[in-house]
């Protein structure tokens, strides 16, 4: 039997502050050969954004370990200060530059925003 954990418990178990917003970005690349390059670029980009802004509290860049057609290749998780921080992040020149570099290699981009 599967156990479903309510979102409030998931957030608390992740140590999220209730005012925070979490932005999930899943990237499906057109070729697995570009995954390492995109992963490295994302790690550098989002590490820099964490240091340079006060509204991105934390960032994680994860690479999928199972190659399947339906899976994303890269997952980026951003802990944002609040909902307003999402628009600040989306308009940031570093984010825009990252998107322009990566877009030609994407088959699909999916995002999910969660807040309490």
C-alpha atoms as a PDB file:
ATOM      1  CA  UNK A   1       0.000   0.000   0.000  1.00  0.00           C
ATOM      2  CA  UNK A   2       1.220   3.472  -0.815  1.00  0.00           C
ATOM      3  CA  UNK A   3       1.172   6.205   1.758  1.00  0.00           C
ATOM      4  CA  UNK A   4       0.307   9.727   0.634  1.00  0.00           C
ATOM      5  CA  UNK A   5       1.833  12.516   2.693  1.00  0.00           C
ATOM      6  CA  UNK A   6      -0.192  15.756   2.675  1.00  0.00           C
ATOM      7  CA  UNK A   7       1.691  18.711   1.164  1.00  0.00           C
ATOM      8  CA  UNK A   8       1.825  20.498   4.517  1.00  0.00           C
ATOM      9  CA  UNK A   9       3.734  17.562   5.993  1.00  0.00           C
ATOM     10  CA  UNK A  10       6.043  17.335   2.989  1.00  0.00           C
ATOM     11  CA  UNK A  11       6.899  21.015   3.325  1.00  0.00           C
ATOM     12  CA  UNK A  12       7.538  20.683   7.023  1.00  0.00           C
ATOM     13  CA  UNK A  13       9.706  17.592   6.530  1.00  0.00           C
ATOM     14  CA  UNK A  14      11.787  19.518   3.984  1.00  0.00           C
ATOM     15  CA  UNK A  15      12.329  22.297   6.502  1.00  0.00           C
ATOM     16  CA  UNK A  16      10.535  24.900   4.406  1.00  0.00           C
ATOM     17  CA  UNK A  17       9.509  28.138   6.033  1.00  0.00           C
ATOM     18  CA  UNK A  18       5.799  28.682   5.484  1.00  0.00           C
ATOM     19  CA  UNK A  19       6.292  31.985   3.617  1.00  0.00           C
ATOM     20  CA  UNK A  20       8.657  30.390   1.115  1.00  0.00           C
ATOM     21  CA  UNK A  21       7.801  29.423  -2.391  1.00  0.00           C
ATOM     22  CA  UNK A  22       9.455  26.534  -4.190  1.00  0.00           C
ATOM     23  CA  UNK A  23       9.961  26.732  -7.952  1.00  0.00           C
ATOM     24  CA  UNK A  24      10.641  23.414  -9.675  1.00  0.00           C
ATOM     25  CA  UNK A  25      12.000  23.454 -13.212  1.00  0.00           C
ATOM     26  CA  UNK A  26      12.251  20.193 -15.160  1.00  0.00           C
ATOM     27  CA  UNK A  27      14.211  20.148 -18.399  1.00  0.00           C
ATOM     28  CA  UNK A  28      13.989  17.431 -21.056  1.00  0.00           C
ATOM     29  CA  UNK A  29      16.943  17.742 -23.427  1.00  0.00           C
ATOM     30  CA  UNK A  30      16.995  16.804 -27.098  1.00  0.00           C
ATOM     31  CA  UNK A  31      20.141  14.723 -26.659  1.00  0.00           C
ATOM     32  CA  UNK A  32      21.718  13.073 -23.621  1.00  0.00           C
ATOM     33  CA  UNK A  33      25.161  14.317 -24.778  1.00  0.00           C
ATOM     34  CA  UNK A  34      24.207  17.860 -23.729  1.00  0.00           C
ATOM     35  CA  UNK A  35      23.055  16.828 -20.209  1.00  0.00           C
ATOM     36  CA  UNK A  36      26.478  17.281 -18.574  1.00  0.00           C
ATOM     37  CA  UNK A  37      26.951  20.697 -20.182  1.00  0.00           C
ATOM     38  CA  UNK A  38      23.465  21.878 -19.131  1.00  0.00           C
ATOM     39  CA  UNK A  39      23.952  20.452 -15.634  1.00  0.00           C
ATOM     40  CA  UNK A  40      27.273  22.295 -15.213  1.00  0.00           C
ATOM     41  CA  UNK A  41      25.861  25.532 -16.630  1.00  0.00           C
ATOM     42  CA  UNK A  42      22.794  25.311 -14.371  1.00  0.00           C
ATOM     43  CA  UNK A  43      24.928  24.591 -11.305  1.00  0.00           C
ATOM     44  CA  UNK A  44      27.123  27.615 -12.007  1.00  0.00           C
ATOM     45  CA  UNK A  45      24.185  29.869 -12.909  1.00  0.00           C
ATOM     46  CA  UNK A  46      21.981  29.093  -9.937  1.00  0.00           C
ATOM     47  CA  UNK A  47      24.839  29.050  -7.451  1.00  0.00           C
ATOM     48  CA  UNK A  48      25.650  32.577  -8.600  1.00  0.00           C
ATOM     49  CA  UNK A  49      22.030  33.700  -8.365  1.00  0.00           C
ATOM     50  CA  UNK A  50      21.847  32.442  -4.768  1.00  0.00           C
ATOM     51  CA  UNK A  51      24.892  34.509  -3.857  1.00  0.00           C
ATOM     52  CA  UNK A  52      23.847  37.611  -5.792  1.00  0.00           C
ATOM     53  CA  UNK A  53      20.188  37.902  -4.767  1.00  0.00           C
ATOM     54  CA  UNK A  54      18.373  38.073  -1.464  1.00  0.00           C
ATOM     55  CA  UNK A  55      15.201  36.458  -2.815  1.00  0.00           C
ATOM     56  CA  UNK A  56      16.646  33.101  -3.913  1.00  0.00           C
ATOM     57  CA  UNK A  57      17.347  31.333  -0.648  1.00  0.00           C
ATOM     58  CA  UNK A  58      18.678  28.042  -2.022  1.00  0.00           C
ATOM     59  CA  UNK A  59      19.071  26.186  -5.295  1.00  0.00           C
ATOM     60  CA  UNK A  60      19.587  22.551  -6.160  1.00  0.00           C
ATOM     61  CA  UNK A  61      20.447  21.172  -9.570  1.00  0.00           C
ATOM     62  CA  UNK A  62      19.852  17.447  -9.976  1.00  0.00           C
ATOM     63  CA  UNK A  63      20.580  15.113 -12.864  1.00  0.00           C
ATOM     64  CA  UNK A  64      18.271  12.194 -13.562  1.00  0.00           C
ATOM     65  CA  UNK A  65      19.906   8.793 -13.075  1.00  0.00           C
ATOM     66  CA  UNK A  66      17.426   6.854 -15.255  1.00  0.00           C
ATOM     67  CA  UNK A  67      17.262   7.627 -18.976  1.00  0.00           C
ATOM     68  CA  UNK A  68      13.681   7.199 -20.182  1.00  0.00           C
ATOM     69  CA  UNK A  69      11.733   9.091 -22.808  1.00  0.00           C
ATOM     70  CA  UNK A  70       9.204  10.363 -20.261  1.00  0.00           C
ATOM     71  CA  UNK A  71      11.750  11.553 -17.705  1.00  0.00           C
ATOM     72  CA  UNK A  72      13.221  15.011 -17.401  1.00  0.00           C
ATOM     73  CA  UNK A  73      17.016  15.088 -17.600  1.00  0.00           C
ATOM     74  CA  UNK A  74      17.627  18.012 -15.230  1.00  0.00           C
ATOM     75  CA  UNK A  75      15.634  19.183 -12.203  1.00  0.00           C
ATOM     76  CA  UNK A  76      16.270  22.619 -10.731  1.00  0.00           C
ATOM     77  CA  UNK A  77      14.706  23.402  -7.353  1.00  0.00           C
ATOM     78  CA  UNK A  78      14.707  27.006  -6.188  1.00  0.00           C
ATOM     79  CA  UNK A  79      13.704  28.052  -2.682  1.00  0.00           C
ATOM     80  CA  UNK A  80      12.312  31.547  -3.121  1.00  0.00           C
ATOM     81  CA  UNK A  81      11.602  34.135  -0.461  1.00  0.00           C
ATOM     82  CA  UNK A  82       7.947  34.522  -1.506  1.00  0.00           C
ATOM     83  CA  UNK A  83       5.640  34.619  -4.531  1.00  0.00           C
ATOM     84  CA  UNK A  84       6.909  38.036  -5.622  1.00  0.00           C
ATOM     85  CA  UNK A  85      10.421  36.595  -5.851  1.00  0.00           C
ATOM     86  CA  UNK A  86       9.379  34.433  -8.801  1.00  0.00           C
ATOM     87  CA  UNK A  87       8.875  37.474 -11.039  1.00  0.00           C
ATOM     88  CA  UNK A  88      12.184  38.954  -9.865  1.00  0.00           C
ATOM     89  CA  UNK A  89      13.946  35.700 -10.718  1.00  0.00           C
ATOM     90  CA  UNK A  90      12.259  35.362 -14.120  1.00  0.00           C
ATOM     91  CA  UNK A  91      13.283  38.922 -15.073  1.00  0.00           C
ATOM     92  CA  UNK A  92      16.876  38.593 -13.813  1.00  0.00           C
ATOM     93  CA  UNK A  93      19.417  38.987 -16.664  1.00  0.00           C
ATOM     94  CA  UNK A  94      21.364  35.893 -15.531  1.00  0.00           C
ATOM     95  CA  UNK A  95      18.211  33.754 -15.712  1.00  0.00           C
ATOM     96  CA  UNK A  96      17.366  35.154 -19.144  1.00  0.00           C
ATOM     97  CA  UNK A  97      20.904  34.436 -20.404  1.00  0.00           C
ATOM     98  CA  UNK A  98      20.713  30.864 -19.060  1.00  0.00           C
ATOM     99  CA  UNK A  99      17.378  30.295 -20.813  1.00  0.00           C
ATOM    100  CA  UNK A 100      18.716  31.620 -24.125  1.00  0.00           C
ATOM    101  CA  UNK A 101      21.727  29.287 -23.952  1.00  0.00           C
ATOM    102  CA  UNK A 102      19.704  26.202 -23.015  1.00  0.00           C
ATOM    103  CA  UNK A 103      16.530  26.705 -25.097  1.00  0.00           C
ATOM    104  CA  UNK A 104      17.999  25.370 -28.372  1.00  0.00           C
ATOM    105  CA  UNK A 105      18.692  22.020 -26.655  1.00  0.00           C
ATOM    106  CA  UNK A 106      15.302  21.586 -24.970  1.00  0.00           C
ATOM    107  CA  UNK A 107      12.554  19.242 -26.036  1.00  0.00           C
ATOM    108  CA  UNK A 108      10.367  20.255 -23.103  1.00  0.00           C
ATOM    109  CA  UNK A 109      10.390  22.566 -20.109  1.00  0.00           C
ATOM    110  CA  UNK A 110       7.968  22.082 -17.242  1.00  0.00           C
ATOM    111  CA  UNK A 111       7.700  24.151 -14.097  1.00  0.00           C
ATOM    112  CA  UNK A 112       5.742  23.724 -10.901  1.00  0.00           C
ATOM    113  CA  UNK A 113       5.382  26.337  -8.160  1.00  0.00           C
ATOM    114  CA  UNK A 114       4.456  25.413  -4.635  1.00  0.00           C
ATOM    115  CA  UNK A 115       3.793  27.619  -1.658  1.00  0.00           C
ATOM    116  CA  UNK A 116       1.992  27.354   1.636  1.00  0.00           C
END
